[in-house]
């Protein structure tokens, strides 16, 4: 007996999708400034496709977090010939950013820079300010560490930038 019901669409229309269904993105990048820029750019595109539009406060906060953690992996976690990994995951309204490098002895700590003229040292302070929670853990399967940050993305923050 054959069914006369039309087949279900493979993907619901964008207007009917929930704001943040479960999503996941993982990619390795070269431990170079170019790799960090590419990680930021691809994260921006992915977040936009997940419903966090360019220009929204949430998108900007998440991209700044990705940029800081990626640049820290390149600057402080670089081991010649090894990549860093960016992982983004969304469930409900929480977006988790994880960056894994291959150097475990350089542990992340947010500290105030010694002087206002100092060029570096503020990245983890920004991450700690933007994120609802953040931390790090050592890699279980080899050398290195993963630094992570979780940002709760309110629909109001997403809507704030989308009307501009």
N, C-alpha and C. Protein backbone atom coordinates (compact mmCIF):
# COMPACT_ATOMS: atom_id res chain seq x y z
N UNK A 1 0.84 -1.16 0.00
CA UNK A 1 0.00 0.00 0.00
C UNK A 1 0.90 1.24 0.00
N UNK A 2 0.65 2.16 -0.87
CA UNK A 2 1.47 3.36 -0.98
C UNK A 2 0.79 4.52 -0.27
N UNK A 3 1.61 5.37 0.26
CA UNK A 3 1.10 6.54 0.97
C UNK A 3 0.85 7.67 -0.02
N UNK A 4 -0.22 8.42 0.22
CA UNK A 4 -0.53 9.56 -0.65
C UNK A 4 -0.07 10.87 -0.05
N UNK A 5 0.54 10.81 1.18
CA UNK A 5 1.02 12.05 1.80
C UNK A 5 2.28 12.52 1.09
N UNK A 6 2.40 13.82 0.91
CA UNK A 6 3.63 14.34 0.27
C UNK A 6 4.81 14.11 1.22
N UNK A 7 6.00 13.96 0.66
CA UNK A 7 7.18 13.75 1.52
C UNK A 7 7.46 15.01 2.35
N UNK A 8 8.01 14.79 3.53
CA UNK A 8 8.39 15.92 4.38
C UNK A 8 9.58 16.64 3.77
N UNK A 9 9.64 17.95 3.90
CA UNK A 9 10.82 18.66 3.38
C UNK A 9 12.06 18.26 4.18
N UNK A 10 13.20 18.24 3.52
CA UNK A 10 14.44 17.87 4.19
C UNK A 10 14.85 18.88 5.24
N UNK A 11 14.57 20.13 5.00
CA UNK A 11 14.95 21.19 5.92
C UNK A 11 13.79 22.16 6.04
N UNK A 12 13.33 22.44 7.26
CA UNK A 12 12.22 23.37 7.38
C UNK A 12 12.62 24.77 6.92
N UNK A 13 11.66 25.56 6.49
CA UNK A 13 11.98 26.93 6.09
C UNK A 13 12.64 27.68 7.23
N UNK A 14 13.51 28.63 6.92
CA UNK A 14 14.28 29.37 7.92
C UNK A 14 13.40 30.03 8.97
N UNK A 15 12.24 30.51 8.58
CA UNK A 15 11.38 31.21 9.52
C UNK A 15 10.76 30.27 10.55
N UNK A 16 10.71 28.96 10.28
CA UNK A 16 10.10 28.02 11.21
C UNK A 16 11.11 27.32 12.10
N UNK A 17 12.40 27.51 11.85
CA UNK A 17 13.42 26.84 12.66
C UNK A 17 13.50 27.45 14.04
N UNK A 18 13.85 26.63 15.01
CA UNK A 18 14.09 27.17 16.34
C UNK A 18 15.33 28.05 16.28
N UNK A 19 15.46 28.94 17.23
CA UNK A 19 16.55 29.92 17.19
C UNK A 19 17.92 29.24 17.16
N UNK A 20 18.17 28.32 18.09
CA UNK A 20 19.47 27.66 18.15
C UNK A 20 19.30 26.17 18.36
N UNK A 21 18.98 25.43 17.30
CA UNK A 21 18.99 23.98 17.46
C UNK A 21 20.44 23.53 17.68
N UNK A 22 20.64 22.29 18.01
CA UNK A 22 21.99 21.81 18.27
C UNK A 22 22.81 21.90 16.99
N UNK A 23 23.97 22.52 17.09
CA UNK A 23 24.91 22.64 15.96
C UNK A 23 26.31 22.32 16.46
N UNK A 24 27.16 21.94 15.50
CA UNK A 24 28.54 21.62 15.85
C UNK A 24 29.44 21.92 14.65
N UNK A 25 30.60 22.50 14.92
CA UNK A 25 31.57 22.81 13.88
C UNK A 25 32.96 22.57 14.46
N UNK A 26 33.80 21.83 13.76
CA UNK A 26 35.18 21.59 14.18
C UNK A 26 36.08 21.66 12.96
N UNK A 27 37.21 22.35 13.12
CA UNK A 27 38.18 22.40 12.03
C UNK A 27 39.56 22.69 12.61
N UNK A 28 40.57 22.14 11.96
CA UNK A 28 41.96 22.42 12.33
C UNK A 28 42.50 23.54 11.43
N UNK A 29 43.37 24.37 12.02
CA UNK A 29 43.97 25.49 11.31
C UNK A 29 45.46 25.50 11.59
N UNK A 30 46.22 26.03 10.65
CA UNK A 30 47.66 26.15 10.86
C UNK A 30 47.92 27.14 11.99
N UNK A 31 48.93 26.86 12.78
CA UNK A 31 49.27 27.73 13.92
C UNK A 31 50.05 28.94 13.44
N UNK A 32 49.37 29.76 12.63
CA UNK A 32 49.96 30.97 12.07
C UNK A 32 48.93 32.09 12.21
N UNK A 33 49.36 33.34 12.09
CA UNK A 33 48.37 34.43 12.10
C UNK A 33 47.31 34.25 11.01
N UNK A 34 47.72 33.73 9.87
CA UNK A 34 46.74 33.49 8.80
C UNK A 34 45.71 32.44 9.21
N UNK A 35 46.16 31.40 9.91
CA UNK A 35 45.24 30.38 10.40
C UNK A 35 44.25 30.95 11.40
N UNK A 36 44.72 31.85 12.28
CA UNK A 36 43.83 32.48 13.25
C UNK A 36 42.80 33.36 12.56
N UNK A 37 43.21 34.09 11.53
CA UNK A 37 42.26 34.93 10.78
C UNK A 37 41.21 34.07 10.07
N UNK A 38 41.65 32.96 9.49
CA UNK A 38 40.72 32.07 8.81
C UNK A 38 39.74 31.44 9.79
N UNK A 39 40.21 31.08 10.97
CA UNK A 39 39.33 30.52 12.00
C UNK A 39 38.24 31.53 12.37
N UNK A 40 38.64 32.79 12.54
CA UNK A 40 37.67 33.83 12.88
C UNK A 40 36.66 34.02 11.76
N UNK A 41 37.15 34.04 10.55
CA UNK A 41 36.25 34.27 9.40
C UNK A 41 35.24 33.13 9.24
N UNK A 42 35.72 31.89 9.31
CA UNK A 42 34.81 30.75 9.17
C UNK A 42 33.84 30.66 10.34
N UNK A 43 34.30 31.02 11.54
CA UNK A 43 33.40 31.04 12.69
C UNK A 43 32.29 32.07 12.48
N UNK A 44 32.64 33.23 11.93
CA UNK A 44 31.63 34.25 11.65
C UNK A 44 30.58 33.77 10.67
N UNK A 45 31.02 33.11 9.62
CA UNK A 45 30.07 32.57 8.64
C UNK A 45 29.19 31.49 9.26
N UNK A 46 29.79 30.63 10.06
CA UNK A 46 29.03 29.55 10.69
C UNK A 46 27.98 30.11 11.66
N UNK A 47 28.38 31.08 12.48
CA UNK A 47 27.43 31.66 13.43
C UNK A 47 26.27 32.33 12.71
N UNK A 48 26.57 33.01 11.61
CA UNK A 48 25.51 33.65 10.83
C UNK A 48 24.54 32.59 10.28
N UNK A 49 25.06 31.47 9.81
CA UNK A 49 24.19 30.42 9.28
C UNK A 49 23.38 29.75 10.39
N UNK A 50 23.84 29.84 11.63
CA UNK A 50 23.10 29.29 12.77
C UNK A 50 22.03 30.24 13.28
N UNK A 51 21.93 31.43 12.70
CA UNK A 51 20.91 32.38 13.13
C UNK A 51 21.41 33.49 14.03
N UNK A 52 22.72 33.64 14.14
CA UNK A 52 23.32 34.75 14.91
C UNK A 52 23.92 35.68 13.87
N UNK A 53 23.16 36.69 13.45
CA UNK A 53 23.56 37.48 12.28
C UNK A 53 24.76 38.39 12.51
N UNK A 54 25.48 38.63 11.42
CA UNK A 54 26.56 39.60 11.43
C UNK A 54 26.04 40.92 11.99
N UNK A 55 26.86 41.59 12.78
CA UNK A 55 26.49 42.89 13.31
C UNK A 55 25.71 42.84 14.60
N UNK A 56 25.24 41.68 15.02
CA UNK A 56 24.52 41.60 16.29
C UNK A 56 25.54 41.59 17.43
N UNK A 57 25.11 42.01 18.60
CA UNK A 57 26.01 42.03 19.76
C UNK A 57 26.53 40.63 20.06
N UNK A 58 25.65 39.63 19.95
CA UNK A 58 26.06 38.25 20.23
C UNK A 58 27.12 37.79 19.24
N UNK A 59 26.94 38.09 17.96
CA UNK A 59 27.90 37.70 16.93
C UNK A 59 29.25 38.35 17.20
N UNK A 60 29.23 39.63 17.51
CA UNK A 60 30.49 40.34 17.76
C UNK A 60 31.22 39.78 18.98
N UNK A 61 30.48 39.48 20.06
CA UNK A 61 31.10 38.92 21.27
C UNK A 61 31.69 37.54 21.00
N UNK A 62 30.96 36.73 20.26
CA UNK A 62 31.46 35.39 19.94
C UNK A 62 32.69 35.46 19.03
N UNK A 63 32.67 36.34 18.04
CA UNK A 63 33.83 36.46 17.15
C UNK A 63 35.06 36.99 17.88
N UNK A 64 34.86 37.92 18.79
CA UNK A 64 35.98 38.42 19.57
C UNK A 64 36.57 37.29 20.43
N UNK A 65 35.72 36.46 20.98
CA UNK A 65 36.18 35.32 21.76
C UNK A 65 36.97 34.34 20.90
N UNK A 66 36.45 34.02 19.72
CA UNK A 66 37.17 33.13 18.79
C UNK A 66 38.51 33.75 18.41
N UNK A 67 38.52 35.04 18.10
CA UNK A 67 39.76 35.70 17.69
C UNK A 67 40.81 35.67 18.80
N UNK A 68 40.40 35.96 20.03
CA UNK A 68 41.36 35.98 21.13
C UNK A 68 41.91 34.60 21.44
N UNK A 69 41.03 33.60 21.50
CA UNK A 69 41.50 32.25 21.81
C UNK A 69 42.36 31.69 20.68
N UNK A 70 42.00 31.99 19.43
CA UNK A 70 42.80 31.52 18.29
C UNK A 70 44.17 32.19 18.26
N UNK A 71 44.20 33.50 18.48
CA UNK A 71 45.49 34.18 18.46
C UNK A 71 46.37 33.75 19.63
N UNK A 72 45.76 33.44 20.78
CA UNK A 72 46.54 32.91 21.90
C UNK A 72 47.13 31.54 21.55
N UNK A 73 46.36 30.72 20.86
CA UNK A 73 46.86 29.40 20.46
C UNK A 73 48.05 29.54 19.52
N UNK A 74 48.00 30.54 18.64
CA UNK A 74 49.11 30.77 17.71
C UNK A 74 50.31 31.36 18.43
N UNK A 75 50.07 32.31 19.31
CA UNK A 75 51.17 33.01 19.97
C UNK A 75 51.80 32.19 21.10
N UNK A 76 50.96 31.58 21.94
CA UNK A 76 51.48 30.92 23.14
C UNK A 76 51.45 29.40 23.07
N UNK A 77 50.64 28.83 22.19
CA UNK A 77 50.51 27.39 22.13
C UNK A 77 51.11 26.76 20.90
N UNK A 78 51.85 27.54 20.13
CA UNK A 78 52.42 27.07 18.87
C UNK A 78 53.54 26.06 19.10
N UNK A 79 53.43 24.95 18.43
CA UNK A 79 54.51 23.97 18.33
C UNK A 79 54.72 23.75 16.83
N UNK A 80 55.95 23.88 16.40
CA UNK A 80 56.24 23.79 14.97
C UNK A 80 55.67 22.52 14.36
N UNK A 81 54.95 22.69 13.25
CA UNK A 81 54.37 21.57 12.54
C UNK A 81 53.04 21.08 13.09
N UNK A 82 52.52 21.71 14.12
CA UNK A 82 51.25 21.29 14.71
C UNK A 82 50.19 22.36 14.52
N UNK A 83 48.97 21.93 14.32
CA UNK A 83 47.84 22.84 14.11
C UNK A 83 47.13 23.12 15.43
N UNK A 84 46.21 24.08 15.40
CA UNK A 84 45.28 24.24 16.51
C UNK A 84 43.89 23.90 15.98
N UNK A 85 42.99 23.54 16.89
CA UNK A 85 41.64 23.15 16.51
C UNK A 85 40.63 24.12 17.12
N UNK A 86 39.69 24.55 16.30
CA UNK A 86 38.56 25.36 16.74
C UNK A 86 37.33 24.48 16.74
N UNK A 87 36.59 24.53 17.82
CA UNK A 87 35.33 23.79 17.89
C UNK A 87 34.26 24.76 18.40
N UNK A 88 33.16 24.84 17.65
CA UNK A 88 31.99 25.62 18.06
C UNK A 88 30.84 24.65 18.25
N UNK A 89 30.08 24.84 19.29
CA UNK A 89 28.88 24.03 19.46
C UNK A 89 27.79 24.89 20.07
N UNK A 90 26.58 24.61 19.65
CA UNK A 90 25.42 25.36 20.13
C UNK A 90 24.35 24.37 20.56
N UNK A 91 23.80 24.62 21.73
CA UNK A 91 22.68 23.83 22.20
C UNK A 91 21.80 24.76 23.01
N UNK A 92 20.55 24.83 22.61
CA UNK A 92 19.68 25.81 23.26
C UNK A 92 20.16 27.20 22.91
N UNK A 93 20.42 28.00 23.92
CA UNK A 93 20.92 29.36 23.68
C UNK A 93 22.38 29.52 24.08
N UNK A 94 23.06 28.42 24.39
CA UNK A 94 24.47 28.48 24.79
C UNK A 94 25.36 28.15 23.59
N UNK A 95 26.34 28.99 23.36
CA UNK A 95 27.35 28.76 22.33
C UNK A 95 28.67 28.51 23.05
N UNK A 96 29.31 27.39 22.74
CA UNK A 96 30.59 27.03 23.36
C UNK A 96 31.68 27.15 22.31
N UNK A 97 32.74 27.87 22.64
CA UNK A 97 33.91 28.04 21.80
C UNK A 97 35.06 27.30 22.48
N UNK A 98 35.71 26.41 21.74
CA UNK A 98 36.88 25.70 22.27
C UNK A 98 38.02 25.83 21.28
N UNK A 99 39.21 26.12 21.80
CA UNK A 99 40.41 26.16 20.97
C UNK A 99 41.45 25.27 21.64
N UNK A 100 41.93 24.30 20.88
CA UNK A 100 42.91 23.33 21.40
C UNK A 100 44.23 23.54 20.70
N UNK A 101 45.30 23.67 21.49
CA UNK A 101 46.64 23.76 20.93
C UNK A 101 47.46 22.60 21.45
N UNK A 102 48.71 22.51 21.07
CA UNK A 102 49.53 21.35 21.42
C UNK A 102 50.61 21.67 22.44
N UNK A 103 50.48 22.78 23.13
CA UNK A 103 51.47 23.13 24.14
C UNK A 103 50.76 23.22 25.49
N UNK A 104 51.08 22.31 26.38
CA UNK A 104 50.40 22.24 27.66
C UNK A 104 51.05 23.01 28.78
N UNK A 105 52.32 23.38 28.62
CA UNK A 105 53.01 24.03 29.75
C UNK A 105 52.73 25.53 29.85
N UNK A 106 52.14 26.14 28.84
CA UNK A 106 51.81 27.57 28.87
C UNK A 106 50.33 27.68 29.22
N UNK A 107 50.04 27.87 30.51
CA UNK A 107 48.66 27.83 30.99
C UNK A 107 48.01 29.20 30.95
N UNK A 108 46.74 29.27 30.57
CA UNK A 108 46.05 30.55 30.43
C UNK A 108 45.64 31.14 31.78
N UNK A 109 45.98 32.39 31.99
CA UNK A 109 45.53 33.13 33.16
C UNK A 109 45.25 34.56 32.75
N UNK A 110 44.07 35.10 33.09
CA UNK A 110 43.80 36.50 32.77
C UNK A 110 44.46 37.40 33.81
N UNK A 111 45.41 38.19 33.38
CA UNK A 111 46.08 39.11 34.29
C UNK A 111 46.06 40.50 33.69
N UNK A 112 46.04 41.48 34.57
CA UNK A 112 46.12 42.85 34.11
C UNK A 112 47.51 43.10 33.56
N UNK A 113 47.61 43.81 32.43
CA UNK A 113 48.94 44.11 31.90
C UNK A 113 49.71 44.99 32.87
N UNK A 114 51.03 44.87 32.83
CA UNK A 114 51.87 45.62 33.76
C UNK A 114 51.71 47.12 33.60
N UNK A 115 51.49 47.58 32.38
CA UNK A 115 51.34 49.02 32.16
C UNK A 115 50.31 49.25 31.05
N UNK A 116 49.71 50.44 31.03
CA UNK A 116 48.75 50.74 29.97
C UNK A 116 49.37 50.75 28.58
N UNK A 117 50.69 50.95 28.50
CA UNK A 117 51.37 50.98 27.20
C UNK A 117 51.70 49.60 26.67
N UNK A 118 51.55 48.57 27.50
CA UNK A 118 51.86 47.21 27.08
C UNK A 118 50.92 46.78 25.97
N UNK A 119 51.47 46.17 24.92
CA UNK A 119 50.67 45.82 23.74
C UNK A 119 49.81 44.58 23.95
N UNK A 120 50.24 43.63 24.72
CA UNK A 120 49.50 42.38 24.88
C UNK A 120 49.03 42.18 26.30
N UNK A 121 48.43 41.01 26.53
CA UNK A 121 48.05 40.65 27.88
C UNK A 121 46.60 40.91 28.26
N UNK A 122 45.79 41.38 27.33
CA UNK A 122 44.40 41.70 27.66
C UNK A 122 43.39 40.72 27.08
N UNK A 123 43.84 39.79 26.26
CA UNK A 123 42.93 38.90 25.55
C UNK A 123 42.05 38.06 26.46
N UNK A 124 42.64 37.40 27.45
CA UNK A 124 41.84 36.58 28.35
C UNK A 124 40.97 37.42 29.28
N UNK A 125 41.38 38.65 29.55
CA UNK A 125 40.50 39.55 30.30
C UNK A 125 39.23 39.84 29.51
N UNK A 126 39.38 40.03 28.19
CA UNK A 126 38.22 40.24 27.33
C UNK A 126 37.33 39.00 27.31
N UNK A 127 37.95 37.84 27.16
CA UNK A 127 37.19 36.59 27.14
C UNK A 127 36.44 36.41 28.45
N UNK A 128 37.12 36.63 29.58
CA UNK A 128 36.49 36.48 30.88
C UNK A 128 35.33 37.46 31.06
N UNK A 129 35.44 38.64 30.49
CA UNK A 129 34.38 39.64 30.59
C UNK A 129 33.19 39.28 29.70
N UNK A 130 33.44 38.81 28.50
CA UNK A 130 32.37 38.50 27.55
C UNK A 130 31.66 37.19 27.86
N UNK A 131 32.40 36.20 28.35
CA UNK A 131 31.84 34.86 28.53
C UNK A 131 31.07 34.76 29.84
N UNK A 132 30.07 33.90 29.84
CA UNK A 132 29.36 33.60 31.08
C UNK A 132 30.20 32.68 31.96
N UNK A 133 31.00 31.84 31.34
CA UNK A 133 31.96 31.01 32.04
C UNK A 133 33.06 30.61 31.06
N UNK A 134 34.24 30.35 31.58
CA UNK A 134 35.35 29.95 30.74
C UNK A 134 36.33 29.15 31.58
N UNK A 135 37.22 28.45 30.92
CA UNK A 135 38.23 27.67 31.63
C UNK A 135 39.13 26.95 30.65
N UNK A 136 39.84 25.98 31.16
CA UNK A 136 40.73 25.20 30.31
C UNK A 136 40.88 23.82 30.93
N UNK A 137 41.30 22.87 30.12
CA UNK A 137 41.61 21.53 30.60
C UNK A 137 42.71 20.94 29.74
N UNK A 138 43.53 20.06 30.33
CA UNK A 138 44.61 19.44 29.54
C UNK A 138 44.04 18.41 28.58
N UNK A 139 44.71 18.22 27.46
CA UNK A 139 44.29 17.21 26.49
C UNK A 139 44.52 15.83 27.09
N UNK A 140 43.56 14.95 26.91
CA UNK A 140 43.66 13.60 27.45
C UNK A 140 44.45 12.69 26.52
N UNK A 141 44.50 13.01 25.24
CA UNK A 141 45.10 12.11 24.26
C UNK A 141 46.45 12.59 23.73
N UNK A 142 47.14 13.43 24.48
CA UNK A 142 48.43 13.91 24.02
C UNK A 142 48.77 15.23 24.66
N UNK A 143 49.84 15.85 24.20
CA UNK A 143 50.22 17.14 24.78
C UNK A 143 49.25 18.23 24.37
N UNK A 144 49.14 19.24 25.20
CA UNK A 144 48.33 20.39 24.85
C UNK A 144 47.23 20.67 25.84
N UNK A 145 46.43 21.64 25.48
CA UNK A 145 45.33 22.07 26.34
C UNK A 145 44.20 22.60 25.46
N UNK A 146 43.03 22.66 26.04
CA UNK A 146 41.86 23.26 25.40
C UNK A 146 41.38 24.40 26.27
N UNK A 147 41.26 25.57 25.69
CA UNK A 147 40.69 26.72 26.38
C UNK A 147 39.28 26.89 25.82
N UNK A 148 38.30 27.04 26.72
CA UNK A 148 36.91 27.11 26.29
C UNK A 148 36.21 28.30 26.94
N UNK A 149 35.17 28.73 26.27
CA UNK A 149 34.31 29.81 26.79
C UNK A 149 32.88 29.52 26.35
N UNK A 150 31.94 29.78 27.23
CA UNK A 150 30.52 29.60 26.93
C UNK A 150 29.83 30.95 27.06
N UNK A 151 29.10 31.30 26.01
CA UNK A 151 28.32 32.53 26.02
C UNK A 151 26.85 32.17 25.85
N UNK A 152 26.04 32.63 26.77
CA UNK A 152 24.59 32.46 26.64
C UNK A 152 24.11 33.56 25.72
N UNK A 153 23.46 33.18 24.64
CA UNK A 153 23.05 34.14 23.62
C UNK A 153 21.55 34.37 23.75
N UNK A 154 21.21 35.51 24.25
CA UNK A 154 19.80 35.88 24.39
C UNK A 154 19.24 36.27 23.03
N UNK A 155 18.01 35.87 22.73
CA UNK A 155 17.39 36.33 21.47
C UNK A 155 17.37 37.85 21.38
N UNK A 156 17.34 38.56 22.52
CA UNK A 156 17.37 40.02 22.49
C UNK A 156 18.70 40.54 21.97
N UNK A 157 19.81 39.87 22.34
CA UNK A 157 21.12 40.28 21.84
C UNK A 157 21.22 40.03 20.34
N UNK A 158 20.64 38.95 19.87
CA UNK A 158 20.67 38.64 18.45
C UNK A 158 19.84 39.67 17.69
N UNK A 159 18.67 40.00 18.20
CA UNK A 159 17.79 40.95 17.53
C UNK A 159 18.36 42.36 17.58
N UNK A 160 19.16 42.69 18.59
CA UNK A 160 19.68 44.04 18.74
C UNK A 160 20.50 44.49 17.53
N UNK A 161 21.28 43.59 16.98
CA UNK A 161 22.12 43.97 15.85
C UNK A 161 21.48 43.71 14.50
N UNK A 162 20.42 42.92 14.46
CA UNK A 162 19.85 42.56 13.16
C UNK A 162 18.99 43.65 12.54
N UNK A 163 18.60 44.65 13.32
CA UNK A 163 17.76 45.71 12.77
C UNK A 163 18.57 46.88 12.25
N UNK A 164 19.89 46.79 12.35
CA UNK A 164 20.75 47.90 11.91
C UNK A 164 20.92 47.93 10.42
